[in-house]
Amino acid sequence: MLDVGFIGHVEAGGRIPLALLCKGSGMQTITPSAAPTYKVYGARPAASGSGMMEMASGTLGSSDTGSITGFRTGTLDIDYKFGAGSLYVMVFSYSDSGGSYGAMGSFEVT
């Protein structure tokens, strides 16, 4: 799994830009067979137990951005579900004829 790293800080009620460069098993850029998907996970409220829970999901753009093979973009609205002062993990998934791949990153709501 690729590490996108820390995506950034975003204020509650804001929007965070998302970007992913899809890479295959040999770390070469690939054109995914479908738009990459993402899921955002945050800490489960103490009253609900421990672990992470899915907060949001979506897809990134379906075509190469700026004529860069495998470069996909999108945005995520930070709505009422996201608590200020919390760190969230984002997991991207995509595939091509060679297999299925993933990447992950994180962001903080301020």
C-alpha atoms as a PDB file:
ATOM      1  CA  MET A   1       0.000   0.000   0.000  1.00  0.00           C
ATOM      2  CA  LEU A   2       1.273   3.443  -0.913  1.00  0.00           C
ATOM      3  CA  ASP A   3       1.552   6.160   1.714  1.00  0.00           C
ATOM      4  CA  VAL A   4       0.086   9.473   0.539  1.00  0.00           C
ATOM      5  CA  GLY A   5       1.163  10.988   3.853  1.00  0.00           C
ATOM      6  CA  PHE A   6      -0.412  13.830   5.778  1.00  0.00           C
ATOM      7  CA  ILE A   7      -2.879  15.591   3.469  1.00  0.00           C
ATOM      8  CA  GLY A   8      -3.274  18.656   5.687  1.00  0.00           C
ATOM      9  CA  HIS A   9      -5.385  20.567   8.172  1.00  0.00           C
ATOM     10  CA  VAL A  10      -8.936  21.605   7.336  1.00  0.00           C
ATOM     11  CA  GLU A  11     -11.477  23.590   9.300  1.00  0.00           C
ATOM     12  CA  ALA A  12     -14.809  22.025  10.230  1.00  0.00           C
ATOM     13  CA  GLY A  13     -17.290  23.038   7.545  1.00  0.00           C
ATOM     14  CA  GLY A  14     -14.495  23.353   4.964  1.00  0.00           C
ATOM     15  CA  ARG A  15     -13.371  21.271   2.025  1.00  0.00           C
ATOM     16  CA  ILE A  16     -10.120  19.363   1.561  1.00  0.00           C
ATOM     17  CA  PRO A  17      -8.612  18.693  -1.879  1.00  0.00           C
ATOM     18  CA  LEU A  18      -7.715  15.074  -2.639  1.00  0.00           C
ATOM     19  CA  ALA A  19      -5.073  13.884  -5.101  1.00  0.00           C
ATOM     20  CA  LEU A  20      -3.724  10.445  -5.919  1.00  0.00           C
ATOM     21  CA  LEU A  21      -1.123   9.188  -8.380  1.00  0.00           C
ATOM     22  CA  CYS A  22      -2.086   5.564  -9.072  1.00  0.00           C
ATOM     23  CA  LYS A  23       0.895   3.212  -9.118  1.00  0.00           C
ATOM     24  CA  GLY A  24       1.166  -0.501  -9.857  1.00  0.00           C
ATOM     25  CA  SER A  25       3.216  -3.237  -8.221  1.00  0.00           C
ATOM     26  CA  GLY A  26       6.428  -2.029  -9.913  1.00  0.00           C
ATOM     27  CA  MET A  27       5.735   1.546  -8.725  1.00  0.00           C
ATOM     28  CA  GLN A  28       5.040   2.645 -12.305  1.00  0.00           C
ATOM     29  CA  THR A  29       2.079   4.951 -12.898  1.00  0.00           C
ATOM     30  CA  ILE A  30      -1.005   3.114 -14.142  1.00  0.00           C
ATOM     31  CA  THR A  31      -4.372   4.021 -15.554  1.00  0.00           C
ATOM     32  CA  PRO A  32      -6.942   2.403 -13.255  1.00  0.00           C
ATOM     33  CA  SER A  33      -9.778   0.449 -14.867  1.00  0.00           C
ATOM     34  CA  ALA A  34     -12.341   2.516 -12.905  1.00  0.00           C
ATOM     35  CA  ALA A  35     -12.341   5.685 -10.839  1.00  0.00           C
ATOM     36  CA  PRO A  36     -10.435   5.149  -7.568  1.00  0.00           C
ATOM     37  CA  THR A  37     -12.579   5.008  -4.446  1.00  0.00           C
ATOM     38  CA  TYR A  38     -11.834   6.270  -0.954  1.00  0.00           C
ATOM     39  CA  LYS A  39     -13.096   5.673   2.570  1.00  0.00           C
ATOM     40  CA  VAL A  40     -12.440   7.948   5.532  1.00  0.00           C
ATOM     41  CA  TYR A  41     -12.131   6.471   9.020  1.00  0.00           C
ATOM     42  CA  GLY A  42     -12.233   8.199  12.393  1.00  0.00           C
ATOM     43  CA  ALA A  43     -12.143   7.108  16.009  1.00  0.00           C
ATOM     44  CA  ARG A  44     -15.347   5.520  17.222  1.00  0.00           C
ATOM     45  CA  PRO A  45     -17.060   7.537  20.001  1.00  0.00           C
ATOM     46  CA  ALA A  46     -16.214   6.148  23.445  1.00  0.00           C
ATOM     47  CA  ALA A  47     -19.867   5.224  24.053  1.00  0.00           C
ATOM     48  CA  SER A  48     -19.788   3.013  20.922  1.00  0.00           C
ATOM     49  CA  GLY A  49     -16.701   0.973  21.789  1.00  0.00           C
ATOM     50  CA  SER A  50     -13.146   1.170  20.511  1.00  0.00           C
ATOM     51  CA  GLY A  51     -11.596   1.139  17.053  1.00  0.00           C
ATOM     52  CA  MET A  52     -12.293   3.078  13.872  1.00  0.00           C
ATOM     53  CA  MET A  53     -15.549   3.713  12.035  1.00  0.00           C
ATOM     54  CA  GLU A  54     -16.238   4.769   8.462  1.00  0.00           C
ATOM     55  CA  MET A  55     -17.050   8.478   8.277  1.00  0.00           C
ATOM     56  CA  ALA A  56     -17.340   9.081   4.518  1.00  0.00           C
ATOM     57  CA  SER A  57     -16.682   7.471   1.147  1.00  0.00           C
ATOM     58  CA  GLY A  58     -16.563   8.514  -2.492  1.00  0.00           C
ATOM     59  CA  THR A  59     -14.696   8.386  -5.778  1.00  0.00           C
ATOM     60  CA  LEU A  60     -11.966  10.449  -7.370  1.00  0.00           C
ATOM     61  CA  GLY A  61     -12.081  11.834 -10.913  1.00  0.00           C
ATOM     62  CA  SER A  62     -12.331   9.178 -13.586  1.00  0.00           C
ATOM     63  CA  SER A  63      -9.800  10.559 -16.076  1.00  0.00           C
ATOM     64  CA  ASP A  64      -6.140  11.568 -16.081  1.00  0.00           C
ATOM     65  CA  THR A  65      -5.757  15.108 -14.741  1.00  0.00           C
ATOM     66  CA  GLY A  66      -3.404  17.421 -16.572  1.00  0.00           C
ATOM     67  CA  SER A  67      -2.522  14.581 -18.981  1.00  0.00           C
ATOM     68  CA  ILE A  68      -0.586  12.829 -16.183  1.00  0.00           C
ATOM     69  CA  THR A  69      -1.182   9.079 -16.352  1.00  0.00           C
ATOM     70  CA  GLY A  70      -2.964   7.809 -13.261  1.00  0.00           C
ATOM     71  CA  PHE A  71      -3.394  11.223 -11.606  1.00  0.00           C
ATOM     72  CA  ARG A  72      -6.860  11.524 -10.062  1.00  0.00           C
ATOM     73  CA  THR A  73      -8.359  14.342  -7.985  1.00  0.00           C
ATOM     74  CA  GLY A  74     -11.455  15.152  -5.964  1.00  0.00           C
ATOM     75  CA  THR A  75     -12.639  16.996  -2.875  1.00  0.00           C
ATOM     76  CA  LEU A  76     -14.103  16.016   0.468  1.00  0.00           C
ATOM     77  CA  ASP A  77     -16.562  18.244   2.306  1.00  0.00           C
ATOM     78  CA  ILE A  78     -15.877  18.313   6.042  1.00  0.00           C
ATOM     79  CA  ASP A  79     -19.420  18.323   7.408  1.00  0.00           C
ATOM     80  CA  TYR A  80     -20.974  17.862  10.857  1.00  0.00           C
ATOM     81  CA  LYS A  81     -19.711  14.236  11.168  1.00  0.00           C
ATOM     82  CA  PHE A  82     -16.100  15.377  11.482  1.00  0.00           C
ATOM     83  CA  GLY A  83     -15.044  16.644  14.899  1.00  0.00           C
ATOM     84  CA  ALA A  84     -12.567  19.474  15.389  1.00  0.00           C
ATOM     85  CA  GLY A  85      -9.253  18.355  16.871  1.00  0.00           C
ATOM     86  CA  SER A  86      -9.543  14.868  15.388  1.00  0.00           C
ATOM     87  CA  LEU A  87      -7.243  12.982  13.035  1.00  0.00           C
ATOM     88  CA  TYR A  88      -8.787  10.953  10.204  1.00  0.00           C
ATOM     89  CA  VAL A  89      -7.355   8.203   8.006  1.00  0.00           C
ATOM     90  CA  MET A  90      -8.227   7.963   4.321  1.00  0.00           C
ATOM     91  CA  VAL A  91      -7.856   4.689   2.376  1.00  0.00           C
ATOM     92  CA  PHE A  92      -7.842   4.777  -1.440  1.00  0.00           C
ATOM     93  CA  SER A  93      -8.506   1.679  -3.585  1.00  0.00           C
ATOM     94  CA  TYR A  94      -8.065   1.151  -7.326  1.00  0.00           C
ATOM     95  CA  SER A  95      -7.259  -1.612  -9.801  1.00  0.00           C
ATOM     96  CA  ASP A  96      -6.136  -2.382 -13.328  1.00  0.00           C
ATOM     97  CA  SER A  97      -5.618  -5.593 -15.281  1.00  0.00           C
ATOM     98  CA  GLY A  98      -2.492  -6.282 -13.199  1.00  0.00           C
ATOM     99  CA  GLY A  99      -4.184  -6.307  -9.801  1.00  0.00           C
ATOM    100  CA  SER A 100      -5.719  -4.300  -6.992  1.00  0.00           C
ATOM    101  CA  TYR A 101      -3.860  -1.553  -5.177  1.00  0.00           C
ATOM    102  CA  GLY A 102      -4.307   0.873  -2.324  1.00  0.00           C
ATOM    103  CA  ALA A 103      -2.941   4.014  -0.748  1.00  0.00           C
ATOM    104  CA  MET A 104      -3.561   5.781   2.518  1.00  0.00           C
ATOM    105  CA  GLY A 105      -3.184   9.225   3.989  1.00  0.00           C
ATOM    106  CA  SER A 106      -4.450  11.271   6.899  1.00  0.00           C
ATOM    107  CA  PHE A 107      -5.800  14.742   7.686  1.00  0.00           C
ATOM    108  CA  GLU A 108      -6.743  16.704  10.777  1.00  0.00           C
ATOM    109  CA  VAL A 109      -9.875  18.780  11.350  1.00  0.00           C
ATOM    110  CA  THR A 110      -9.144  22.001  13.236  1.00  0.00           C
END
